Amino acid sequence: MQIAPSEMVCAGIVLRAQPYGDKDLIFTLLTENDGKLSVMARSARGGTKFKTGVPDVLDLGSFSLKKGRGSLLFINHFAPQKAFRHIRSNLNSFVCACCWIEALEHLTLEAHTDSHELFAIALEILKGLDGVKEPQLACRTLCEGLDAALHKTGFGSETASLPPGFKKLRSLVLRIEEVSGRQMKSWPSVLEVVQRVEAIQAVEVKVIR
């Protein structure tokens, strides 16, 4: 595909998608080389703009972006990659993946160019969650990701000394909320996963006794 001078192509993960007006969508992307970008897709709702399908949260792919007025960017083309195929098929992995990308949205700045390492971490954690069925493993993978993201963005000193576990996971979420000044909307769902793990562990203890 030939790229016009007014266009840019980047690899990105969809962190957020929200309606704008009657037909448009605004996406928040974490890109490999350009950090977090807000981009608009005109007439994306209920139309045939994307032959490969409308991008969705957790999608990974190549985005062709056209510059509009000022700093506004528009999606011209989206080429999805076949990644994270199993995340949506398991509630534990899906909930933890949603918390993970919400945390990335909270911690990253618009157009922060020094982002390739964080992008690599984002991919690693999503790959780790892909296909995970056990709630304990999903929570552990999420905890590792949040810890790494906080340290990579320079906000992790408050949680460095905590041992791995649910207490640390909660502390990491609180730290992200403190840094961003916003609540993590996905946390109540993650807490349900934690409670499932604790219920399983309680049963295992009774069996051992």
N, C-alpha and C. Protein backbone atom coordinates (compact mmCIF):
# COMPACT_ATOMS: atom_id res chain seq x y z
N MET A 1 0.83 -1.20 0.00
CA MET A 1 0.00 0.00 0.00
C MET A 1 0.87 1.25 0.00
N GLN A 2 0.63 2.15 -0.93
CA GLN A 2 1.42 3.37 -1.03
C GLN A 2 0.93 4.38 0.00
N ILE A 3 1.87 5.01 0.69
CA ILE A 3 1.55 5.92 1.77
C ILE A 3 1.78 7.35 1.32
N ALA A 4 0.77 8.21 1.44
CA ALA A 4 0.91 9.62 1.09
C ALA A 4 1.73 10.33 2.14
N PRO A 5 2.35 11.48 1.78
CA PRO A 5 3.16 12.22 2.75
C PRO A 5 2.39 12.63 4.00
N SER A 6 1.07 12.82 3.86
CA SER A 6 0.27 13.24 5.01
C SER A 6 -0.19 12.07 5.88
N GLU A 7 0.28 10.86 5.56
CA GLU A 7 -0.13 9.68 6.30
C GLU A 7 1.04 9.08 7.07
N MET A 8 0.71 8.32 8.11
CA MET A 8 1.70 7.57 8.87
C MET A 8 1.13 6.19 9.14
N VAL A 9 2.01 5.21 9.22
CA VAL A 9 1.61 3.84 9.51
C VAL A 9 2.27 3.41 10.81
N CYS A 10 1.50 2.82 11.69
CA CYS A 10 2.07 2.41 12.98
C CYS A 10 1.41 1.13 13.46
N ALA A 11 2.18 0.35 14.21
CA ALA A 11 1.63 -0.81 14.90
C ALA A 11 1.01 -0.34 16.20
N GLY A 12 -0.18 -0.84 16.51
CA GLY A 12 -0.84 -0.36 17.71
C GLY A 12 -1.79 -1.38 18.32
N ILE A 13 -2.05 -1.19 19.61
CA ILE A 13 -3.04 -1.97 20.36
C ILE A 13 -4.17 -1.03 20.73
N VAL A 14 -5.41 -1.47 20.52
CA VAL A 14 -6.56 -0.64 20.87
C VAL A 14 -6.81 -0.73 22.38
N LEU A 15 -6.62 0.40 23.07
CA LEU A 15 -6.86 0.46 24.51
C LEU A 15 -8.30 0.84 24.84
N ARG A 16 -8.90 1.63 23.95
CA ARG A 16 -10.22 2.17 24.24
C ARG A 16 -10.93 2.53 22.94
N ALA A 17 -12.24 2.36 22.91
CA ALA A 17 -13.06 2.78 21.77
C ALA A 17 -14.33 3.41 22.32
N GLN A 18 -14.67 4.59 21.82
CA GLN A 18 -15.87 5.26 22.31
C GLN A 18 -16.59 5.97 21.17
N PRO A 19 -17.92 6.00 21.22
CA PRO A 19 -18.69 6.66 20.16
C PRO A 19 -18.46 8.17 20.18
N TYR A 20 -18.55 8.76 19.00
CA TYR A 20 -18.48 10.21 18.87
C TYR A 20 -19.51 10.61 17.81
N GLY A 21 -20.52 11.36 18.23
CA GLY A 21 -21.58 11.71 17.30
C GLY A 21 -22.41 10.48 16.94
N ASP A 22 -23.03 10.54 15.77
CA ASP A 22 -23.92 9.46 15.36
C ASP A 22 -23.19 8.29 14.70
N LYS A 23 -22.09 8.56 14.03
CA LYS A 23 -21.45 7.52 13.22
C LYS A 23 -19.97 7.30 13.50
N ASP A 24 -19.33 8.26 14.15
CA ASP A 24 -17.88 8.19 14.30
C ASP A 24 -17.48 7.43 15.57
N LEU A 25 -16.22 7.00 15.59
CA LEU A 25 -15.61 6.38 16.77
C LEU A 25 -14.27 7.04 17.03
N ILE A 26 -13.95 7.18 18.31
CA ILE A 26 -12.62 7.65 18.71
C ILE A 26 -11.91 6.50 19.41
N PHE A 27 -10.72 6.20 18.94
CA PHE A 27 -9.92 5.11 19.50
C PHE A 27 -8.71 5.67 20.24
N THR A 28 -8.37 5.03 21.35
CA THR A 28 -7.11 5.29 22.02
C THR A 28 -6.20 4.12 21.73
N LEU A 29 -5.06 4.42 21.11
CA LEU A 29 -4.11 3.39 20.72
C LEU A 29 -2.83 3.51 21.53
N LEU A 30 -2.23 2.39 21.87
CA LEU A 30 -0.84 2.37 22.33
C LEU A 30 -0.01 1.89 21.16
N THR A 31 0.80 2.80 20.63
CA THR A 31 1.57 2.47 19.43
C THR A 31 3.02 2.17 19.78
N GLU A 32 3.68 1.48 18.88
CA GLU A 32 5.04 1.01 19.15
C GLU A 32 6.04 2.16 19.24
N ASN A 33 5.91 3.14 18.36
CA ASN A 33 6.92 4.20 18.29
C ASN A 33 6.40 5.60 18.60
N ASP A 34 5.09 5.76 18.71
CA ASP A 34 4.52 7.09 18.93
C ASP A 34 3.71 7.20 20.21
N GLY A 35 3.83 6.23 21.09
CA GLY A 35 3.13 6.30 22.36
C GLY A 35 1.63 6.18 22.22
N LYS A 36 0.92 6.84 23.12
CA LYS A 36 -0.54 6.79 23.10
C LYS A 36 -1.07 7.84 22.14
N LEU A 37 -1.97 7.42 21.26
CA LEU A 37 -2.56 8.32 20.29
C LEU A 37 -4.08 8.21 20.35
N SER A 38 -4.75 9.36 20.25
CA SER A 38 -6.20 9.38 20.07
C SER A 38 -6.48 9.61 18.59
N VAL A 39 -7.25 8.72 17.98
CA VAL A 39 -7.51 8.80 16.54
C VAL A 39 -9.00 8.63 16.30
N MET A 40 -9.47 9.23 15.22
CA MET A 40 -10.89 9.15 14.89
C MET A 40 -11.11 8.30 13.65
N ALA A 41 -12.20 7.54 13.68
CA ALA A 41 -12.63 6.79 12.50
C ALA A 41 -13.99 7.33 12.10
N ARG A 42 -14.04 8.03 11.00
CA ARG A 42 -15.29 8.62 10.54
C ARG A 42 -16.22 7.55 9.94
N SER A 43 -17.48 7.67 10.25
CA SER A 43 -18.52 6.78 9.70
C SER A 43 -18.20 5.31 9.95
N ALA A 44 -17.60 5.03 11.10
CA ALA A 44 -17.21 3.64 11.40
C ALA A 44 -18.36 2.83 11.98
N ARG A 45 -19.36 3.50 12.55
CA ARG A 45 -20.46 2.79 13.20
C ARG A 45 -21.57 2.50 12.20
N GLY A 46 -21.81 1.23 11.98
CA GLY A 46 -22.87 0.81 11.09
C GLY A 46 -22.56 1.00 9.62
N GLY A 47 -21.30 1.25 9.31
CA GLY A 47 -20.92 1.45 7.91
C GLY A 47 -19.99 0.36 7.41
N THR A 48 -19.40 0.59 6.26
CA THR A 48 -18.50 -0.39 5.65
C THR A 48 -17.11 0.22 5.44
N LYS A 49 -16.75 1.13 6.33
CA LYS A 49 -15.47 1.83 6.19
C LYS A 49 -14.30 0.85 6.24
N PHE A 50 -14.36 -0.13 7.14
CA PHE A 50 -13.26 -1.06 7.32
C PHE A 50 -13.62 -2.41 6.72
N LYS A 51 -12.96 -2.78 5.66
CA LYS A 51 -13.21 -4.07 5.01
C LYS A 51 -12.78 -5.23 5.89
N THR A 52 -11.81 -4.96 6.77
CA THR A 52 -11.30 -6.00 7.66
C THR A 52 -12.04 -6.03 8.99
N GLY A 53 -13.07 -5.20 9.14
CA GLY A 53 -13.81 -5.12 10.40
C GLY A 53 -13.39 -3.92 11.23
N VAL A 54 -14.32 -3.40 12.00
CA VAL A 54 -14.04 -2.24 12.85
C VAL A 54 -13.11 -2.66 13.99
N PRO A 55 -12.05 -1.91 14.24
CA PRO A 55 -11.15 -2.24 15.35
C PRO A 55 -11.91 -2.29 16.68
N ASP A 56 -11.47 -3.16 17.55
CA ASP A 56 -12.12 -3.32 18.86
C ASP A 56 -11.04 -3.30 19.94
N VAL A 57 -11.47 -3.08 21.16
CA VAL A 57 -10.56 -3.10 22.30
C VAL A 57 -9.81 -4.44 22.33
N LEU A 58 -8.53 -4.39 22.58
CA LEU A 58 -7.61 -5.54 22.63
C LEU A 58 -7.11 -5.96 21.25
N ASP A 59 -7.59 -5.31 20.20
CA ASP A 59 -7.10 -5.65 18.86
C ASP A 59 -5.69 -5.12 18.65
N LEU A 60 -4.88 -5.91 17.96
CA LEU A 60 -3.52 -5.53 17.57
C LEU A 60 -3.48 -5.47 16.06
N GLY A 61 -2.84 -4.45 15.51
CA GLY A 61 -2.76 -4.38 14.07
C GLY A 61 -1.96 -3.19 13.59
N SER A 62 -1.98 -3.01 12.27
CA SER A 62 -1.29 -1.89 11.64
C SER A 62 -2.34 -0.84 11.26
N PHE A 63 -2.09 0.38 11.68
CA PHE A 63 -3.01 1.47 11.43
C PHE A 63 -2.38 2.47 10.47
N SER A 64 -3.11 2.80 9.41
CA SER A 64 -2.72 3.88 8.52
C SER A 64 -3.49 5.12 8.94
N LEU A 65 -2.77 6.15 9.36
CA LEU A 65 -3.39 7.34 9.93
C LEU A 65 -3.13 8.55 9.04
N LYS A 66 -4.17 9.33 8.85
CA LYS A 66 -4.06 10.56 8.05
C LYS A 66 -4.16 11.77 8.97
N LYS A 67 -3.28 12.72 8.77
CA LYS A 67 -3.29 13.92 9.59
C LYS A 67 -4.40 14.87 9.16
N GLY A 68 -5.16 15.33 10.15
CA GLY A 68 -6.19 16.33 9.89
C GLY A 68 -5.72 17.69 10.34
N ARG A 69 -6.65 18.53 10.71
CA ARG A 69 -6.28 19.85 11.20
C ARG A 69 -5.66 19.75 12.58
N GLY A 70 -4.65 20.55 12.80
CA GLY A 70 -3.96 20.52 14.09
C GLY A 70 -3.32 19.18 14.34
N SER A 71 -3.59 18.60 15.50
CA SER A 71 -3.00 17.31 15.87
C SER A 71 -3.95 16.14 15.65
N LEU A 72 -5.12 16.40 15.08
CA LEU A 72 -6.12 15.35 14.92
C LEU A 72 -5.69 14.34 13.85
N LEU A 73 -5.85 13.05 14.18
CA LEU A 73 -5.51 11.96 13.27
C LEU A 73 -6.76 11.15 12.94
N PHE A 74 -6.85 10.69 11.68
CA PHE A 74 -7.97 9.88 11.24
C PHE A 74 -7.45 8.54 10.74
N ILE A 75 -8.21 7.48 11.02
CA ILE A 75 -7.84 6.15 10.53
C ILE A 75 -8.28 6.00 9.09
N ASN A 76 -7.32 5.72 8.21
CA ASN A 76 -7.63 5.45 6.81
C ASN A 76 -7.79 3.96 6.55
N HIS A 77 -6.98 3.16 7.25
CA HIS A 77 -6.97 1.72 7.00
C HIS A 77 -6.50 1.00 8.25
N PHE A 78 -7.07 -0.17 8.48
CA PHE A 78 -6.68 -1.00 9.62
C PHE A 78 -6.45 -2.43 9.14
N ALA A 79 -5.25 -2.93 9.40
CA ALA A 79 -4.91 -4.31 9.04
C ALA A 79 -4.67 -5.10 10.33
N PRO A 80 -5.66 -5.89 10.77
CA PRO A 80 -5.51 -6.62 12.04
C PRO A 80 -4.51 -7.74 11.96
N GLN A 81 -3.85 -7.99 13.08
CA GLN A 81 -2.99 -9.16 13.21
C GLN A 81 -3.75 -10.23 13.98
N LYS A 82 -3.49 -11.47 13.66
CA LYS A 82 -4.17 -12.56 14.35
C LYS A 82 -3.44 -12.84 15.66
N ALA A 83 -3.86 -12.09 16.67
CA ALA A 83 -3.20 -12.21 17.98
C ALA A 83 -4.25 -12.28 19.08
N PHE A 84 -3.88 -12.86 20.20
CA PHE A 84 -4.73 -12.95 21.39
C PHE A 84 -6.09 -13.54 21.05
N ARG A 85 -6.09 -14.64 20.33
CA ARG A 85 -7.34 -15.23 19.83
C ARG A 85 -8.21 -15.80 20.94
N HIS A 86 -7.59 -16.17 22.07
CA HIS A 86 -8.33 -16.90 23.10
C HIS A 86 -8.69 -16.05 24.31
N ILE A 87 -8.24 -14.81 24.35
CA ILE A 87 -8.46 -13.98 25.53
C ILE A 87 -9.95 -13.82 25.82
N ARG A 88 -10.73 -13.59 24.77
CA ARG A 88 -12.16 -13.34 24.97
C ARG A 88 -12.95 -14.61 25.28
N SER A 89 -12.34 -15.77 25.15
CA SER A 89 -13.07 -17.02 25.36
C SER A 89 -13.04 -17.49 26.80
N ASN A 90 -12.27 -16.82 27.65
CA ASN A 90 -12.18 -17.19 29.05
C ASN A 90 -12.37 -15.94 29.91
N LEU A 91 -13.30 -15.99 30.84
CA LEU A 91 -13.65 -14.81 31.63
C LEU A 91 -12.46 -14.31 32.45
N ASN A 92 -11.68 -15.22 33.03
CA ASN A 92 -10.56 -14.80 33.87
C ASN A 92 -9.52 -14.02 33.07
N SER A 93 -9.13 -14.55 31.92
CA SER A 93 -8.12 -13.89 31.11
C SER A 93 -8.66 -12.59 30.52
N PHE A 94 -9.94 -12.57 30.13
CA PHE A 94 -10.52 -11.38 29.53
C PHE A 94 -10.60 -10.23 30.54
N VAL A 95 -11.05 -10.53 31.76
CA VAL A 95 -11.15 -9.51 32.80
C VAL A 95 -9.77 -8.92 33.12
N CYS A 96 -8.77 -9.79 33.27
CA CYS A 96 -7.43 -9.31 33.58
C CYS A 96 -6.82 -8.54 32.41
N ALA A 97 -7.14 -8.95 31.18
CA ALA A 97 -6.65 -8.23 30.01
C ALA A 97 -7.27 -6.83 29.94
N CYS A 98 -8.55 -6.72 30.27
CA CYS A 98 -9.21 -5.41 30.28
C CYS A 98 -8.60 -4.50 31.33
N CYS A 99 -8.28 -5.05 32.50
CA CYS A 99 -7.62 -4.27 33.54
C CYS A 99 -6.23 -3.83 33.08
N TRP A 100 -5.54 -4.70 32.39
CA TRP A 100 -4.20 -4.41 31.91
C TRP A 100 -4.19 -3.25 30.92
N ILE A 101 -5.07 -3.27 29.93
CA ILE A 101 -5.06 -2.20 28.94
C ILE A 101 -5.62 -0.90 29.52
N GLU A 102 -6.52 -1.01 30.50
CA GLU A 102 -6.98 0.21 31.17
C GLU A 102 -5.84 0.85 31.95
N ALA A 103 -5.01 0.03 32.59
CA ALA A 103 -3.85 0.56 33.31
C ALA A 103 -2.88 1.25 32.36
N LEU A 104 -2.67 0.66 31.19
CA LEU A 104 -1.79 1.29 30.20
C LEU A 104 -2.33 2.64 29.76
N GLU A 105 -3.65 2.71 29.60
CA GLU A 105 -4.28 3.98 29.21
C GLU A 105 -4.10 5.03 30.30
N HIS A 106 -4.16 4.61 31.56
CA HIS A 106 -3.98 5.53 32.68
C HIS A 106 -2.54 6.03 32.79
N LEU A 107 -1.59 5.18 32.49
CA LEU A 107 -0.18 5.49 32.77
C LEU A 107 0.56 6.14 31.62
N THR A 108 0.05 6.07 30.41
CA THR A 108 0.79 6.59 29.27
C THR A 108 0.30 7.98 28.87
N LEU A 109 1.21 8.74 28.30
CA LEU A 109 0.91 10.10 27.86
C LEU A 109 0.69 10.13 26.36
N GLU A 110 -0.07 11.12 25.91
CA GLU A 110 -0.28 11.29 24.48
C GLU A 110 1.04 11.59 23.78
N ALA A 111 1.28 10.88 22.67
CA ALA A 111 2.44 11.11 21.80
C ALA A 111 3.76 11.04 22.56
N HIS A 112 3.85 10.14 23.54
CA HIS A 112 5.10 9.93 24.25
C HIS A 112 5.96 8.98 23.42
N THR A 113 7.01 9.49 22.82
CA THR A 113 7.72 8.72 21.79
C THR A 113 8.61 7.61 22.34
N ASP A 114 9.06 7.72 23.59
CA ASP A 114 9.92 6.69 24.16
C ASP A 114 9.04 5.56 24.70
N SER A 115 8.39 4.84 23.79
CA SER A 115 7.37 3.89 24.22
C SER A 115 7.57 2.47 23.74
N HIS A 116 8.64 2.20 22.98
CA HIS A 116 8.76 0.87 22.40
C HIS A 116 8.90 -0.22 23.46
N GLU A 117 9.57 0.10 24.59
CA GLU A 117 9.72 -0.89 25.64
C GLU A 117 8.39 -1.18 26.32
N LEU A 118 7.58 -0.15 26.56
CA LEU A 118 6.27 -0.35 27.16
C LEU A 118 5.35 -1.11 26.21
N PHE A 119 5.46 -0.84 24.93
CA PHE A 119 4.68 -1.57 23.93
C PHE A 119 5.05 -3.05 23.95
N ALA A 120 6.32 -3.32 24.08
CA ALA A 120 6.78 -4.72 24.15
C ALA A 120 6.24 -5.41 25.40
N ILE A 121 6.23 -4.70 26.53
CA ILE A 121 5.67 -5.25 27.76
C ILE A 121 4.18 -5.53 27.59
N ALA A 122 3.49 -4.58 26.94
CA ALA A 122 2.05 -4.74 26.70
C ALA A 122 1.77 -6.02 25.92
N LEU A 123 2.54 -6.26 24.87
CA LEU A 123 2.37 -7.46 24.06
C LEU A 123 2.68 -8.72 24.87
N GLU A 124 3.74 -8.67 25.65
CA GLU A 124 4.16 -9.84 26.43
C GLU A 124 3.08 -10.27 27.42
N ILE A 125 2.47 -9.29 28.10
CA ILE A 125 1.44 -9.61 29.09
C ILE A 125 0.18 -10.14 28.41
N LEU A 126 -0.21 -9.53 27.29
CA LEU A 126 -1.38 -10.01 26.57
C LEU A 126 -1.17 -11.42 26.03
N LYS A 127 0.04 -11.70 25.56
CA LYS A 127 0.35 -13.06 25.12
C LYS A 127 0.31 -14.03 26.30
N GLY A 128 0.77 -13.56 27.46
CA GLY A 128 0.72 -14.40 28.65
C GLY A 128 -0.70 -14.71 29.10
N LEU A 129 -1.61 -13.75 28.90
CA LEU A 129 -3.00 -13.95 29.29
C LEU A 129 -3.79 -14.75 28.25
N ASP A 130 -3.29 -14.80 27.04
CA ASP A 130 -4.01 -15.47 25.97
C ASP A 130 -4.10 -16.97 26.24
N GLY A 131 -5.30 -17.44 26.40
CA GLY A 131 -5.48 -18.86 26.62
C GLY A 131 -5.39 -19.31 28.06
N VAL A 132 -5.10 -18.39 28.98
CA VAL A 132 -5.03 -18.75 30.40
C VAL A 132 -6.42 -19.07 30.91
N LYS A 133 -6.57 -20.17 31.60
CA LYS A 133 -7.86 -20.56 32.16
C LYS A 133 -7.89 -20.44 33.68
N GLU A 134 -6.77 -20.69 34.32
CA GLU A 134 -6.73 -20.67 35.77
C GLU A 134 -6.76 -19.23 36.28
N PRO A 135 -7.70 -18.88 37.17
CA PRO A 135 -7.79 -17.51 37.67
C PRO A 135 -6.53 -17.06 38.39
N GLN A 136 -5.87 -17.98 39.11
CA GLN A 136 -4.66 -17.61 39.84
C GLN A 136 -3.55 -17.18 38.89
N LEU A 137 -3.39 -17.90 37.78
CA LEU A 137 -2.36 -17.57 36.81
C LEU A 137 -2.67 -16.25 36.10
N ALA A 138 -3.95 -16.01 35.82
CA ALA A 138 -4.35 -14.75 35.19
C ALA A 138 -4.03 -13.57 36.10
N CYS A 139 -4.33 -13.70 37.39
CA CYS A 139 -4.04 -12.62 38.35
C CYS A 139 -2.55 -12.41 38.50
N ARG A 140 -1.79 -13.49 38.50
CA ARG A 140 -0.33 -13.37 38.64
C ARG A 140 0.27 -12.65 37.42
N THR A 141 -0.21 -12.99 36.24
CA THR A 141 0.28 -12.34 35.02
C THR A 141 -0.07 -10.86 35.02
N LEU A 142 -1.29 -10.53 35.43
CA LEU A 142 -1.70 -9.13 35.53
C LEU A 142 -0.82 -8.38 36.53
N CYS A 143 -0.56 -8.99 37.67
CA CYS A 143 0.27 -8.36 38.70
C CYS A 143 1.66 -8.05 38.16
N GLU A 144 2.25 -9.00 37.44
CA GLU A 144 3.57 -8.79 36.84
C GLU A 144 3.54 -7.63 35.84
N GLY A 145 2.47 -7.56 35.06
CA GLY A 145 2.36 -6.49 34.08
C GLY A 145 2.22 -5.12 34.71
N LEU A 146 1.34 -5.00 35.70
CA LEU A 146 1.15 -3.71 36.37
C LEU A 146 2.42 -3.25 37.05
N ASP A 147 3.12 -4.18 37.67
CA ASP A 147 4.39 -3.86 38.33
C ASP A 147 5.40 -3.33 37.32
N ALA A 148 5.53 -4.03 36.19
CA ALA A 148 6.49 -3.64 35.15
C ALA A 148 6.12 -2.28 34.55
N ALA A 149 4.82 -2.05 34.30
CA ALA A 149 4.38 -0.80 33.70
C ALA A 149 4.63 0.38 34.63
N LEU A 150 4.38 0.20 35.92
CA LEU A 150 4.63 1.27 36.87
C LEU A 150 6.11 1.62 36.95
N HIS A 151 6.96 0.61 36.96
CA HIS A 151 8.40 0.86 37.00
C HIS A 151 8.89 1.51 35.71
N LYS A 152 8.37 1.06 34.57
CA LYS A 152 8.81 1.60 33.29
C LYS A 152 8.41 3.06 33.13
N THR A 153 7.28 3.44 33.73
CA THR A 153 6.83 4.83 33.64
C THR A 153 7.33 5.69 34.80
N GLY A 154 8.10 5.09 35.71
CA GLY A 154 8.71 5.85 36.79
C GLY A 154 7.85 6.04 38.02
N PHE A 155 6.79 5.24 38.16
CA PHE A 155 5.87 5.42 39.30
C PHE A 155 5.85 4.21 40.23
N GLY A 156 6.82 3.32 40.12
CA GLY A 156 6.73 2.05 40.82
C GLY A 156 7.41 1.96 42.17
N SER A 157 8.00 3.01 42.67
CA SER A 157 8.79 2.92 43.89
C SER A 157 7.95 2.53 45.10
N GLU A 158 6.66 2.92 45.11
CA GLU A 158 5.81 2.66 46.26
C GLU A 158 5.48 1.17 46.43
N THR A 159 5.60 0.40 45.37
CA THR A 159 5.19 -1.00 45.42
C THR A 159 6.36 -1.97 45.29
N ALA A 160 7.57 -1.45 45.19
CA ALA A 160 8.72 -2.30 44.89
C ALA A 160 8.98 -3.36 45.95
N SER A 161 8.73 -3.05 47.22
CA SER A 161 9.10 -3.96 48.30
C SER A 161 8.03 -4.99 48.62
N LEU A 162 6.87 -4.88 48.01
CA LEU A 162 5.79 -5.82 48.32
C LEU A 162 6.02 -7.17 47.66
N PRO A 163 5.77 -8.26 48.38
CA PRO A 163 5.90 -9.60 47.76
C PRO A 163 4.75 -9.85 46.79
N PRO A 164 4.95 -10.74 45.81
CA PRO A 164 3.87 -11.06 44.86
C PRO A 164 2.65 -11.60 45.59
N GLY A 165 1.48 -11.28 45.08
CA GLY A 165 0.25 -11.77 45.69
C GLY A 165 -0.89 -10.79 45.49
N PHE A 166 -2.05 -11.11 46.05
CA PHE A 166 -3.23 -10.28 45.85
C PHE A 166 -3.10 -8.93 46.55
N LYS A 167 -2.40 -8.91 47.68
CA LYS A 167 -2.18 -7.63 48.37
C LYS A 167 -1.38 -6.69 47.49
N LYS A 168 -0.37 -7.21 46.83
CA LYS A 168 0.42 -6.37 45.93
C LYS A 168 -0.42 -5.94 44.73
N LEU A 169 -1.24 -6.84 44.19
CA LEU A 169 -2.09 -6.50 43.06
C LEU A 169 -2.99 -5.32 43.40
N ARG A 170 -3.60 -5.37 44.57
CA ARG A 170 -4.46 -4.27 45.01
C ARG A 170 -3.65 -2.98 45.18
N SER A 171 -2.45 -3.09 45.74
CA SER A 171 -1.60 -1.92 45.93
C SER A 171 -1.19 -1.30 44.60
N LEU A 172 -0.94 -2.15 43.60
CA LEU A 172 -0.57 -1.66 42.27
C LEU A 172 -1.72 -0.87 41.65
N VAL A 173 -2.93 -1.40 41.80
CA VAL A 173 -4.11 -0.71 41.25
C VAL A 173 -4.31 0.63 41.96
N LEU A 174 -4.16 0.65 43.28
CA LEU A 174 -4.30 1.90 44.03
C LEU A 174 -3.24 2.92 43.59
N ARG A 175 -2.04 2.43 43.32
CA ARG A 175 -0.97 3.32 42.88
C ARG A 175 -1.30 3.92 41.51
N ILE A 176 -1.84 3.12 40.61
CA ILE A 176 -2.21 3.61 39.29
C ILE A 176 -3.31 4.66 39.41
N GLU A 177 -4.29 4.42 40.28
CA GLU A 177 -5.36 5.39 40.49
C GLU A 177 -4.81 6.69 41.07
N GLU A 178 -3.84 6.55 41.96
CA GLU A 178 -3.21 7.74 42.55
C GLU A 178 -2.47 8.55 41.50
N VAL A 179 -1.74 7.87 40.63
CA VAL A 179 -0.95 8.54 39.60
C VAL A 179 -1.84 9.25 38.59
N SER A 180 -2.90 8.56 38.16
CA SER A 180 -3.75 9.10 37.09
C SER A 180 -4.86 10.01 37.60
N GLY A 181 -5.19 9.88 38.89
CA GLY A 181 -6.30 10.66 39.43
C GLY A 181 -7.66 10.15 38.99
N ARG A 182 -7.71 8.90 38.50
CA ARG A 182 -8.95 8.30 38.04
C ARG A 182 -9.10 6.89 38.62
N GLN A 183 -10.32 6.45 38.75
CA GLN A 183 -10.57 5.10 39.24
C GLN A 183 -10.40 4.08 38.12
N MET A 184 -9.94 2.90 38.50
CA MET A 184 -9.84 1.79 37.56
C MET A 184 -11.20 1.09 37.53
N LYS A 185 -11.95 1.29 36.46
CA LYS A 185 -13.30 0.76 36.37
C LYS A 185 -13.34 -0.77 36.29
N SER A 186 -12.25 -1.36 35.84
CA SER A 186 -12.21 -2.82 35.68
C SER A 186 -11.87 -3.55 36.99
N TRP A 187 -11.44 -2.82 38.02
CA TRP A 187 -10.98 -3.47 39.24
C TRP A 187 -12.06 -4.32 39.92
N PRO A 188 -13.33 -3.87 40.04
CA PRO A 188 -14.33 -4.75 40.67
C PRO A 188 -14.45 -6.11 40.00
N SER A 189 -14.30 -6.16 38.68
CA SER A 189 -14.37 -7.44 37.97
C SER A 189 -13.14 -8.29 38.28
N VAL A 190 -11.97 -7.65 38.38
CA VAL A 190 -10.76 -8.38 38.75
C VAL A 190 -10.90 -8.92 40.18
N LEU A 191 -11.50 -8.14 41.05
CA LEU A 191 -11.70 -8.57 42.43
C LEU A 191 -12.55 -9.84 42.49
N GLU A 192 -13.50 -9.98 41.58
CA GLU A 192 -14.29 -11.21 41.52
C GLU A 192 -13.42 -12.40 41.14
N VAL A 193 -12.46 -12.18 40.25
CA VAL A 193 -11.52 -13.25 39.89
C VAL A 193 -10.68 -13.62 41.10
N VAL A 194 -10.22 -12.61 41.84
CA VAL A 194 -9.43 -12.86 43.06
C VAL A 194 -10.25 -13.68 44.05
N GLN A 195 -11.51 -13.33 44.21
CA GLN A 195 -12.37 -14.05 45.15
C GLN A 195 -12.56 -15.50 44.73
N ARG A 196 -12.61 -15.76 43.42
CA ARG A 196 -12.70 -17.14 42.94
C ARG A 196 -11.44 -17.92 43.31
N VAL A 197 -10.29 -17.26 43.17
CA VAL A 197 -9.03 -17.92 43.54
C VAL A 197 -9.03 -18.24 45.02
N GLU A 198 -9.44 -17.29 45.83
CA GLU A 198 -9.45 -17.50 47.28
C GLU A 198 -10.40 -18.62 47.67
N ALA A 199 -11.53 -18.73 46.96
CA ALA A 199 -12.48 -19.81 47.24
C ALA A 199 -11.87 -21.17 46.89
N ILE A 200 -11.16 -21.23 45.75
CA ILE A 200 -10.49 -22.47 45.35
C ILE A 200 -9.43 -22.85 46.37
N GLN A 201 -8.65 -21.87 46.81
CA GLN A 201 -7.59 -22.14 47.79
C GLN A 201 -8.17 -22.62 49.12
N ALA A 202 -9.31 -22.05 49.51
CA ALA A 202 -9.95 -22.48 50.75
C ALA A 202 -10.40 -23.93 50.68
N VAL A 203 -10.92 -24.33 49.53
CA VAL A 203 -11.34 -25.72 49.34
C VAL A 203 -10.13 -26.64 49.37
N GLU A 204 -9.04 -26.23 48.74
CA GLU A 204 -7.82 -27.06 48.72
C GLU A 204 -7.26 -27.26 50.13
N VAL A 205 -7.34 -26.21 50.95
CA VAL A 205 -6.86 -26.32 52.34
C VAL A 205 -7.70 -27.33 53.12
N LYS A 206 -9.03 -27.28 52.90
CA LYS A 206 -9.90 -28.23 53.60
C LYS A 206 -9.61 -29.66 53.18
N VAL A 207 -9.33 -29.85 51.90
CA VAL A 207 -9.03 -31.19 51.39
C VAL A 207 -7.75 -31.73 52.01
N ILE A 208 -6.74 -30.86 52.10
CA ILE A 208 -5.46 -31.28 52.71
C ILE A 208 -5.64 -31.66 54.16
N ARG A 209 -6.45 -30.91 54.87
CA ARG A 209 -6.69 -31.20 56.29
C ARG A 209 -7.49 -32.49 56.45
